[in-house]
Each structure stands twice: as structure tokens, then as C-alpha cells.
């Protein structure tokens, strides 16, 4: 009986992304990476964001990223672009905000050779948690994170899909800082510039891939 040869399983990347060391172009400011329209490849990414009128409320426009998630080229471009800006920043943990922050945050943690910690809505984490309440345009919300999730002094990258008013990102940053960790930056796919979220986050560096008014 001839045994079938099985190809070895290879990692997606031969070596983890380096966490330390100096790298030209590493994040040094809060300037966004790209604006819509800078180069044909990024027009592909921008075209995968669908605008849906009157959702979730009449008069609003919802930026739907599910077509972007379904396009492997656009998805990898976004993940690599956001992660690239933090190579050399010694990120210890990526904190992803429920729920789309989990999609991008987990993948970015793998690229940055970092751990991943979820920030969730109340009642969805099993152990003792810290909780932050905040106001958003659609009402009062709360976020939680496990109380023992971060080491004091660790460098943390907060990740979500969207930066609007900045209320959600600011709440996630507060949870991080309550545990004595440092927010090294906030990374998002979409930024709605007219809502002023960047200003709400004050001196925390913000990186976005696509910007809309």
C-alpha cells in the first residue's frame, strides 16, 4: 500500500511581524493613512463601502463595510495598511471593540505579534469586569472589559471599524487606561470627519484608512 504524500502545513507568514525596533515611517503622528482617491488600488477599497440611506434611522446614511469584508484583496489591503503603521511601536495587546472591531482587531493582533482582548456589551464576558457608560447619538450605551485583561504599563492599540463622534473609542480607551495600560493609538477603517471623533480622543494618535464627511 502506497502512502499518500501530505504537503507540510506552512504558516501564512514565515516570521512574526517584529514588535520592536525603529522603522522609518512608523507611527509618529495622528495623521490618517489615506484619503479616498489616492491611487487606483484604494479606489477599489473605497468602492467596497456601500452607503445605505435611512439606516439605522431616517435621515442617516449608514456606511456598510460588508462588501469590503467579502473582497479578499480589499480586506487584506486594509488590514496590512493599518497594521503597517504600528510596526516598531511595540504593541503588546490589540483591544477590539464589539463587534466589527473583533474582525479587524484579531487579524491585526496576528500581524503585530500581539495579544487580543475584546471589549464587549454588558453581560457577555464571564469573569469580573470594568464597565464604562457613555452617551451616543442613538442613546446610552455601556462597554465592559475583563478586569485582569491588561498588564500595567502595557502598550495597547484600540481597533474598531468606524470613528464617528468618538464616544465608543473614548470609552474603550478609558477601560484600557483604568488598568494602568497605555493607549498607543486608535485604528479604524472608516472615519466620519464631520462628527469630530478625532478631537474627542484628544492626544491619542488616530489612524484611519478611508475618510468620509
Protein backbone atom coordinates (compact mmCIF):
# COMPACT_ATOMS: atom_id res chain seq x y z
CA UNK A 1 0.00 0.00 0.00
CA UNK A 2 1.45 3.32 -1.11
CA UNK A 3 1.18 6.07 1.43
CA UNK A 4 -0.11 9.37 0.10
CA UNK A 5 2.31 12.24 0.48
CA UNK A 6 0.92 15.12 2.51
CA UNK A 7 2.27 18.59 1.90
CA UNK A 8 3.62 20.30 5.03
CA UNK A 9 1.43 22.93 6.62
CA UNK A 10 3.05 26.31 6.17
CA UNK A 11 2.28 29.43 8.21
CA UNK A 12 0.74 32.38 6.41
CA UNK A 13 3.85 34.37 7.29
CA UNK A 14 7.23 32.76 7.75
CA UNK A 15 8.14 35.08 10.62
CA UNK A 16 6.01 37.15 13.01
CA UNK A 17 5.91 40.87 12.40
CA UNK A 18 8.64 42.45 14.57
CA UNK A 19 7.22 44.21 17.64
CA UNK A 20 10.22 46.35 18.47
CA UNK A 21 12.97 48.40 16.90
CA UNK A 22 12.97 51.57 14.88
CA UNK A 23 11.37 51.63 11.46
CA UNK A 24 11.21 54.55 9.09
CA UNK A 25 7.60 55.62 8.73
CA UNK A 26 6.40 54.07 11.97
CA UNK A 27 3.53 55.91 13.62
CA UNK A 28 4.67 59.28 14.93
CA UNK A 29 1.56 61.39 14.48
CA UNK A 30 -2.21 61.20 14.32
CA UNK A 31 -2.44 61.78 10.57
CA UNK A 32 -4.68 59.34 8.69
CA UNK A 33 -3.03 56.90 6.30
CA UNK A 34 -5.04 57.66 3.17
CA UNK A 35 -7.93 59.70 1.89
CA UNK A 36 -10.37 58.30 -0.67
CA UNK A 37 -9.00 58.67 -4.17
CA UNK A 38 -5.23 58.48 -3.58
CA UNK A 39 -4.27 55.83 -6.10
CA UNK A 40 -6.31 53.33 -8.10
CA UNK A 41 -5.86 50.38 -5.68
CA UNK A 42 -7.51 52.40 -2.92
CA UNK A 43 -10.43 53.28 -5.14
CA UNK A 44 -11.18 49.55 -5.08
CA UNK A 45 -11.28 49.64 -1.28
CA UNK A 46 -13.46 52.76 -1.22
CA UNK A 47 -15.87 51.24 -3.74
CA UNK A 48 -16.47 48.32 -1.37
CA UNK A 49 -18.07 50.61 1.21
CA UNK A 50 -21.80 50.75 0.50
CA UNK A 51 -23.89 53.76 1.52
CA UNK A 52 -27.36 52.84 2.80
CA UNK A 53 -29.83 55.71 3.24
CA UNK A 54 -32.21 55.97 6.23
CA UNK A 55 -30.45 53.28 8.28
CA UNK A 56 -30.49 52.83 11.24
CA UNK A 57 -32.74 55.91 11.47
CA UNK A 58 -34.49 58.17 8.94
CA UNK A 59 -32.19 60.84 7.57
CA UNK A 60 -28.95 58.99 8.39
CA UNK A 61 -26.55 57.32 5.96
CA UNK A 62 -25.01 54.01 7.03
CA UNK A 63 -21.55 53.09 5.71
CA UNK A 64 -21.79 49.33 5.19
CA UNK A 65 -18.44 47.51 5.12
CA UNK A 66 -19.77 44.00 4.47
CA UNK A 67 -18.83 44.22 0.73
CA UNK A 68 -15.29 45.15 1.83
CA UNK A 69 -15.15 42.15 4.15
CA UNK A 70 -16.25 39.89 1.29
CA UNK A 71 -13.47 41.11 -1.03
CA UNK A 72 -10.21 39.35 -0.04
CA UNK A 73 -7.99 41.87 -1.82
CA UNK A 74 -9.66 44.92 -0.26
CA UNK A 75 -9.78 43.27 3.18
CA UNK A 76 -6.07 42.41 3.16
CA UNK A 77 -5.16 45.88 1.89
CA UNK A 78 -6.98 47.44 4.85
CA UNK A 79 -5.52 45.04 7.41
CA UNK A 80 -1.98 45.42 6.13
CA UNK A 81 -2.24 49.20 5.86
CA UNK A 82 -3.49 49.66 9.42
CA UNK A 83 -1.01 47.15 10.85
CA UNK A 84 1.94 48.59 8.93
CA UNK A 85 1.60 51.92 10.69
CA UNK A 86 2.24 50.28 14.08
CA UNK A 87 5.20 48.05 13.23
CA UNK A 88 8.01 49.05 15.57
CA UNK A 89 5.60 50.57 18.11
CA UNK A 90 5.92 47.55 20.44
CA UNK A 91 2.20 46.85 20.67
CA UNK A 92 1.55 44.33 23.44
CA UNK A 93 -2.21 43.96 23.06
CA UNK A 94 -4.84 44.85 20.48
CA UNK A 95 -8.21 45.72 22.04
CA UNK A 96 -11.11 45.13 19.67
CA UNK A 97 -14.48 46.81 20.22
CA UNK A 98 -17.64 44.74 19.72
CA UNK A 99 -18.42 43.67 17.17
CA UNK A 100 -16.66 44.60 13.95
CA UNK A 101 -13.59 45.58 15.94
CA UNK A 102 -13.18 41.86 16.59
CA UNK A 103 -12.82 41.17 12.86
CA UNK A 104 -10.10 43.72 12.27
CA UNK A 105 -8.53 43.61 15.72
CA UNK A 106 -7.89 39.88 15.79
CA UNK A 107 -6.28 39.90 12.36
CA UNK A 108 -4.16 42.92 13.26
CA UNK A 109 -3.01 41.29 16.51
CA UNK A 110 -1.70 38.35 14.49
CA UNK A 111 0.12 40.70 12.13
CA UNK A 112 1.65 42.67 15.02
CA UNK A 113 2.62 39.60 17.08
CA UNK A 114 0.41 40.91 19.88
CA UNK A 115 -2.34 39.55 22.12
CA UNK A 116 -6.03 40.32 21.63
CA UNK A 117 -8.57 41.48 24.23
CA UNK A 118 -12.28 42.01 23.49
CA UNK A 119 -14.35 44.95 24.71
CA UNK A 120 -17.99 43.86 24.86
CA UNK A 121 -21.52 44.91 25.70
CA UNK A 122 -22.64 44.19 29.30
CA UNK A 123 -23.30 40.59 30.31
CA UNK A 124 -21.22 38.92 27.60
CA UNK A 125 -17.95 38.43 29.46
CA UNK A 126 -17.88 35.62 32.07
CA UNK A 127 -15.44 36.96 34.69
CA UNK A 128 -15.17 40.17 36.71
CA UNK A 129 -15.24 43.28 34.52
CA UNK A 130 -14.69 47.02 34.42
CA UNK A 131 -17.60 48.96 32.91
CA UNK A 132 -17.90 52.38 31.24
CA UNK A 133 -21.18 54.16 30.46
CA UNK A 134 -21.38 56.78 27.72
CA UNK A 135 -23.81 58.67 25.52
CA UNK A 136 -24.03 58.06 21.80
CA UNK A 137 -26.21 59.60 19.12
CA UNK A 138 -28.65 56.68 19.43
CA UNK A 139 -28.82 56.58 23.22
CA UNK A 140 -26.97 55.47 26.35
CA UNK A 141 -24.54 52.56 25.98
CA UNK A 142 -22.12 50.58 28.15
CA UNK A 143 -18.94 48.64 27.41
CA UNK A 144 -17.06 46.13 29.53
CA UNK A 145 -13.60 44.56 29.62
CA UNK A 146 -12.26 41.81 31.87
CA UNK A 147 -10.66 43.42 34.91
CA UNK A 148 -7.45 41.37 34.63
CA UNK A 149 -7.09 41.69 30.85
CA UNK A 150 -4.11 44.06 30.71
CA UNK A 151 -0.78 44.39 32.45
CA UNK A 152 0.02 47.83 33.89
CA UNK A 153 2.31 49.71 31.54
CA UNK A 154 1.46 47.59 28.51
CA UNK A 155 1.13 49.25 25.11
CA UNK A 156 -2.37 48.87 23.66
CA UNK A 157 -3.86 49.52 20.24
CA UNK A 158 -7.66 50.09 20.20
CA UNK A 159 -9.34 48.89 17.00
CA UNK A 160 -12.84 49.41 15.61
CA UNK A 161 -14.40 49.66 12.17
CA UNK A 162 -15.68 53.23 12.45
CA UNK A 163 -14.80 56.51 14.15
CA UNK A 164 -17.80 58.85 14.32
CA UNK A 165 -18.36 61.01 17.38
CA UNK A 166 -15.55 59.16 19.14
CA UNK A 167 -17.73 58.17 22.10
CA UNK A 168 -17.21 54.42 21.68
CA UNK A 169 -13.47 54.71 21.08
CA UNK A 170 -13.08 57.06 24.07
CA UNK A 171 -14.94 54.56 26.29
CA UNK A 172 -12.65 51.74 25.14
CA UNK A 173 -9.61 53.92 25.83
CA UNK A 174 -10.92 54.65 29.33
CA UNK A 175 -11.22 50.93 30.04
CA UNK A 176 -7.64 50.42 28.89
CA UNK A 177 -6.28 53.27 30.99
CA UNK A 178 -8.18 52.18 34.10
CA UNK A 179 -5.96 49.10 34.18
CA UNK A 180 -2.79 51.17 34.01
CA UNK A 181 -2.06 50.39 30.36
CA UNK A 182 -1.12 52.96 27.72
CA UNK A 183 -3.17 53.65 24.58
CA UNK A 184 -0.59 53.68 21.80
CA UNK A 185 -3.20 54.53 19.19
CA UNK A 186 -6.70 54.08 17.83
CA UNK A 187 -7.02 52.37 14.43
CA UNK A 188 -10.24 52.39 12.39
CA UNK A 189 -11.23 51.55 8.83
CA UNK A 190 -13.65 54.45 8.31
CA UNK A 191 -13.59 57.94 9.81
CA UNK A 192 -16.55 60.32 9.57
CA UNK A 193 -14.64 63.57 9.83
CA UNK A 194 -17.65 65.87 10.26
CA UNK A 195 -18.52 64.23 13.61
CA UNK A 196 -15.30 65.30 15.33
CA UNK A 197 -14.29 61.98 16.85
CA UNK A 198 -10.57 62.69 16.47
CA UNK A 199 -10.89 65.79 18.66
CA UNK A 200 -12.76 63.83 21.33
CA UNK A 201 -9.86 61.40 21.59
CA UNK A 202 -7.55 64.35 22.39
CA UNK A 203 -3.86 63.41 22.34
CA UNK A 204 -4.37 59.75 21.42
CA UNK A 205 -2.98 59.01 17.92
CA UNK A 206 -5.69 58.08 15.40
CA UNK A 207 -5.14 56.19 12.15
CA UNK A 208 -7.90 55.68 9.58
CA UNK A 209 -7.86 54.21 6.08
CA UNK A 210 -10.88 55.91 4.50
CA UNK A 211 -12.41 59.25 5.42
CA UNK A 212 -15.93 60.49 4.68
CA UNK A 213 -17.60 63.79 5.56
